[in-house]
Amino acid sequence: MNNRKRAGIIVALIGLVGFMAMFNAGSPTSIVDWPVETYMGMAFTIGWLSSMPNWLAYVLAALVLILMIVGFYRIGGWIYSLVTHKR
């Protein structure tokens, strides 16, 4: 595993934890329950703001989380390549 991939993974983890912290700010849930609470909260928000079936809201919430992880990974790799001047 090269350093660009490591940087991408680290930024993806930091971004995901930051998003979970933002989504759960003010909630009395423990940190261990944050991933499930974030997923359920996103599914509720998607289902509440639209008139789609529950199963589709859960699928879209999972898809959004996966796309966020991939996006943060790509941003981390891009920033690493900018810092090290490698393309």
N, C-alpha and C. Protein backbone atom coordinates (compact mmCIF):
# COMPACT_ATOMS: atom_id res chain seq x y z
N MET A 1 0.85 -1.16 0.00
CA MET A 1 0.00 0.00 0.00
C MET A 1 0.90 1.24 0.00
N ASN A 2 0.67 2.13 -0.94
CA ASN A 2 1.50 3.32 -1.01
C ASN A 2 0.93 4.43 -0.13
N ASN A 3 1.70 5.50 -0.02
CA ASN A 3 1.32 6.59 0.87
C ASN A 3 0.07 7.34 0.41
N ARG A 4 -0.16 7.37 -0.89
CA ARG A 4 -1.35 8.06 -1.39
C ARG A 4 -2.62 7.33 -0.92
N LYS A 5 -2.60 6.01 -0.95
CA LYS A 5 -3.75 5.25 -0.46
C LYS A 5 -3.93 5.42 1.04
N ARG A 6 -2.82 5.45 1.77
CA ARG A 6 -2.91 5.67 3.22
C ARG A 6 -3.51 7.03 3.53
N ALA A 7 -3.07 8.05 2.80
CA ALA A 7 -3.62 9.39 3.01
C ALA A 7 -5.11 9.41 2.69
N GLY A 8 -5.51 8.73 1.64
CA GLY A 8 -6.93 8.66 1.28
C GLY A 8 -7.75 7.98 2.35
N ILE A 9 -7.24 6.89 2.90
CA ILE A 9 -7.96 6.17 3.95
C ILE A 9 -8.07 7.02 5.20
N ILE A 10 -6.99 7.70 5.57
CA ILE A 10 -7.01 8.54 6.77
C ILE A 10 -8.01 9.68 6.60
N VAL A 11 -8.00 10.34 5.46
CA VAL A 11 -8.94 11.44 5.22
C VAL A 11 -10.37 10.92 5.18
N ALA A 12 -10.59 9.74 4.61
CA ALA A 12 -11.94 9.16 4.58
C ALA A 12 -12.43 8.87 5.99
N LEU A 13 -11.58 8.32 6.84
CA LEU A 13 -11.98 8.06 8.22
C LEU A 13 -12.25 9.34 9.00
N ILE A 14 -11.37 10.33 8.84
CA ILE A 14 -11.57 11.60 9.53
C ILE A 14 -12.83 12.29 9.04
N GLY A 15 -13.07 12.26 7.74
CA GLY A 15 -14.28 12.87 7.18
C GLY A 15 -15.54 12.18 7.65
N LEU A 16 -15.53 10.87 7.68
CA LEU A 16 -16.71 10.13 8.12
C LEU A 16 -16.98 10.34 9.61
N VAL A 17 -15.93 10.33 10.42
CA VAL A 17 -16.11 10.59 11.85
C VAL A 17 -16.58 12.02 12.08
N GLY A 18 -16.05 12.97 11.31
CA GLY A 18 -16.50 14.35 11.42
C GLY A 18 -17.96 14.51 11.03
N PHE A 19 -18.37 13.82 9.97
CA PHE A 19 -19.78 13.87 9.57
C PHE A 19 -20.67 13.26 10.64
N MET A 20 -20.24 12.13 11.21
CA MET A 20 -21.03 11.51 12.27
C MET A 20 -21.11 12.42 13.49
N ALA A 21 -20.01 13.10 13.83
CA ALA A 21 -20.02 14.01 14.96
C ALA A 21 -20.95 15.18 14.70
N MET A 22 -20.95 15.69 13.48
CA MET A 22 -21.84 16.79 13.14
C MET A 22 -23.30 16.34 13.16
N PHE A 23 -23.56 15.15 12.65
CA PHE A 23 -24.93 14.64 12.58
C PHE A 23 -25.46 14.31 13.97
N ASN A 24 -24.60 13.91 14.90
CA ASN A 24 -25.03 13.49 16.22
C ASN A 24 -24.74 14.53 17.30
N ALA A 25 -24.38 15.73 16.92
CA ALA A 25 -24.12 16.77 17.92
C ALA A 25 -25.41 17.09 18.66
N GLY A 26 -25.37 17.05 19.94
CA GLY A 26 -26.56 17.33 20.74
C GLY A 26 -27.39 16.10 21.03
N SER A 27 -27.00 14.97 20.51
CA SER A 27 -27.71 13.72 20.78
C SER A 27 -27.07 13.04 21.98
N PRO A 28 -27.86 12.50 22.88
CA PRO A 28 -27.27 11.87 24.07
C PRO A 28 -26.76 10.44 23.84
N THR A 29 -26.67 10.00 22.59
CA THR A 29 -26.20 8.64 22.32
C THR A 29 -24.70 8.54 22.52
N SER A 30 -24.24 7.35 22.85
CA SER A 30 -22.81 7.14 23.06
C SER A 30 -22.09 7.09 21.71
N ILE A 31 -20.79 7.29 21.74
CA ILE A 31 -19.99 7.33 20.52
C ILE A 31 -20.03 5.99 19.80
N VAL A 32 -20.16 4.91 20.53
CA VAL A 32 -20.21 3.58 19.92
C VAL A 32 -21.44 3.44 19.01
N ASP A 33 -22.53 4.12 19.35
CA ASP A 33 -23.77 4.01 18.59
C ASP A 33 -23.88 5.05 17.47
N TRP A 34 -22.88 5.90 17.29
CA TRP A 34 -22.95 6.94 16.27
C TRP A 34 -23.12 6.43 14.85
N PRO A 35 -22.42 5.38 14.40
CA PRO A 35 -22.61 4.94 13.01
C PRO A 35 -24.05 4.50 12.71
N VAL A 36 -24.65 3.74 13.61
CA VAL A 36 -26.02 3.29 13.40
C VAL A 36 -26.98 4.47 13.48
N GLU A 37 -26.74 5.37 14.42
CA GLU A 37 -27.60 6.53 14.58
C GLU A 37 -27.52 7.45 13.36
N THR A 38 -26.33 7.58 12.80
CA THR A 38 -26.18 8.39 11.60
C THR A 38 -26.92 7.78 10.42
N TYR A 39 -26.77 6.48 10.25
CA TYR A 39 -27.46 5.79 9.15
C TYR A 39 -28.98 5.89 9.30
N MET A 40 -29.47 5.63 10.50
CA MET A 40 -30.91 5.71 10.72
C MET A 40 -31.44 7.14 10.59
N GLY A 41 -30.65 8.10 11.04
CA GLY A 41 -31.05 9.49 10.91
C GLY A 41 -31.11 9.94 9.46
N MET A 42 -30.14 9.50 8.67
CA MET A 42 -30.16 9.84 7.25
C MET A 42 -31.34 9.18 6.54
N ALA A 43 -31.61 7.93 6.88
CA ALA A 43 -32.75 7.25 6.26
C ALA A 43 -34.06 7.94 6.65
N PHE A 44 -34.17 8.35 7.91
CA PHE A 44 -35.38 9.05 8.35
C PHE A 44 -35.51 10.38 7.62
N THR A 45 -34.42 11.11 7.49
CA THR A 45 -34.47 12.41 6.82
C THR A 45 -34.85 12.26 5.36
N ILE A 46 -34.26 11.30 4.68
CA ILE A 46 -34.60 11.07 3.27
C ILE A 46 -36.06 10.66 3.14
N GLY A 47 -36.52 9.77 4.00
CA GLY A 47 -37.90 9.32 3.93
C GLY A 47 -38.89 10.39 4.31
N TRP A 48 -38.52 11.27 5.23
CA TRP A 48 -39.42 12.30 5.71
C TRP A 48 -39.55 13.43 4.70
N LEU A 49 -38.44 13.78 4.03
CA LEU A 49 -38.47 14.88 3.09
C LEU A 49 -39.05 14.49 1.74
N SER A 50 -39.21 13.22 1.48
CA SER A 50 -39.79 12.78 0.22
C SER A 50 -40.86 11.74 0.52
N SER A 51 -41.61 11.42 -0.49
CA SER A 51 -42.67 10.43 -0.29
C SER A 51 -42.27 9.11 -0.94
N MET A 52 -41.12 8.60 -0.54
CA MET A 52 -40.64 7.34 -1.10
C MET A 52 -40.80 6.22 -0.07
N PRO A 53 -40.81 4.99 -0.50
CA PRO A 53 -40.93 3.86 0.43
C PRO A 53 -39.73 3.79 1.39
N ASN A 54 -39.96 3.15 2.52
CA ASN A 54 -38.92 3.05 3.54
C ASN A 54 -37.68 2.33 3.03
N TRP A 55 -37.87 1.23 2.29
CA TRP A 55 -36.73 0.46 1.82
C TRP A 55 -35.85 1.29 0.90
N LEU A 56 -36.46 2.17 0.10
CA LEU A 56 -35.68 3.00 -0.80
C LEU A 56 -34.92 4.08 -0.03
N ALA A 57 -35.50 4.58 1.05
CA ALA A 57 -34.81 5.55 1.89
C ALA A 57 -33.57 4.93 2.54
N TYR A 58 -33.69 3.68 2.98
CA TYR A 58 -32.54 2.99 3.56
C TYR A 58 -31.46 2.74 2.52
N VAL A 59 -31.84 2.35 1.33
CA VAL A 59 -30.87 2.11 0.26
C VAL A 59 -30.17 3.41 -0.12
N LEU A 60 -30.92 4.50 -0.24
CA LEU A 60 -30.32 5.77 -0.59
C LEU A 60 -29.40 6.29 0.52
N ALA A 61 -29.76 6.07 1.77
CA ALA A 61 -28.89 6.49 2.88
C ALA A 61 -27.57 5.72 2.83
N ALA A 62 -27.63 4.42 2.57
CA ALA A 62 -26.40 3.63 2.45
C ALA A 62 -25.57 4.10 1.26
N LEU A 63 -26.24 4.40 0.15
CA LEU A 63 -25.54 4.88 -1.03
C LEU A 63 -24.86 6.23 -0.78
N VAL A 64 -25.53 7.11 -0.07
CA VAL A 64 -24.93 8.41 0.26
C VAL A 64 -23.70 8.23 1.14
N LEU A 65 -23.77 7.35 2.13
CA LEU A 65 -22.62 7.11 3.00
C LEU A 65 -21.45 6.51 2.22
N ILE A 66 -21.72 5.58 1.33
CA ILE A 66 -20.66 4.98 0.51
C ILE A 66 -20.04 6.03 -0.40
N LEU A 67 -20.87 6.88 -1.01
CA LEU A 67 -20.34 7.93 -1.88
C LEU A 67 -19.53 8.96 -1.10
N MET A 68 -19.92 9.23 0.15
CA MET A 68 -19.13 10.14 0.99
C MET A 68 -17.77 9.55 1.29
N ILE A 69 -17.72 8.26 1.61
CA ILE A 69 -16.44 7.61 1.90
C ILE A 69 -15.54 7.64 0.66
N VAL A 70 -16.09 7.32 -0.49
CA VAL A 70 -15.30 7.34 -1.73
C VAL A 70 -14.84 8.75 -2.04
N GLY A 71 -15.70 9.73 -1.84
CA GLY A 71 -15.33 11.12 -2.09
C GLY A 71 -14.22 11.60 -1.18
N PHE A 72 -14.32 11.30 0.11
CA PHE A 72 -13.26 11.69 1.04
C PHE A 72 -11.95 10.97 0.71
N TYR A 73 -12.04 9.72 0.30
CA TYR A 73 -10.84 8.96 -0.10
C TYR A 73 -10.16 9.63 -1.29
N ARG A 74 -10.95 10.01 -2.28
CA ARG A 74 -10.39 10.65 -3.47
C ARG A 74 -9.79 12.02 -3.13
N ILE A 75 -10.45 12.76 -2.26
CA ILE A 75 -9.93 14.07 -1.85
C ILE A 75 -8.61 13.90 -1.11
N GLY A 76 -8.52 12.91 -0.24
CA GLY A 76 -7.28 12.66 0.49
C GLY A 76 -6.13 12.31 -0.43
N GLY A 77 -6.39 11.45 -1.40
CA GLY A 77 -5.35 11.10 -2.37
C GLY A 77 -4.95 12.29 -3.23
N TRP A 78 -5.90 13.12 -3.59
CA TRP A 78 -5.62 14.30 -4.40
C TRP A 78 -4.78 15.31 -3.62
N ILE A 79 -5.14 15.53 -2.36
CA ILE A 79 -4.37 16.46 -1.52
C ILE A 79 -2.95 15.93 -1.32
N TYR A 80 -2.80 14.64 -1.10
CA TYR A 80 -1.46 14.06 -0.95
C TYR A 80 -0.63 14.27 -2.21
N SER A 81 -1.25 14.08 -3.36
CA SER A 81 -0.49 14.29 -4.60
C SER A 81 -0.14 15.75 -4.81
N LEU A 82 -0.96 16.67 -4.33
CA LEU A 82 -0.62 18.08 -4.42
C LEU A 82 0.54 18.44 -3.51
N VAL A 83 0.54 17.86 -2.31
CA VAL A 83 1.59 18.16 -1.34
C VAL A 83 2.93 17.58 -1.79
N THR A 84 2.92 16.38 -2.32
CA THR A 84 4.17 15.73 -2.72
C THR A 84 4.55 16.01 -4.17
N HIS A 85 3.70 16.71 -4.89
CA HIS A 85 3.94 17.06 -6.30
C HIS A 85 4.06 15.83 -7.19
N LYS A 86 3.30 14.79 -6.89
CA LYS A 86 3.27 13.59 -7.71
C LYS A 86 1.91 13.50 -8.39
N ARG A 87 1.89 13.06 -9.62
CA ARG A 87 0.62 12.92 -10.32
C ARG A 87 0.43 11.54 -10.83
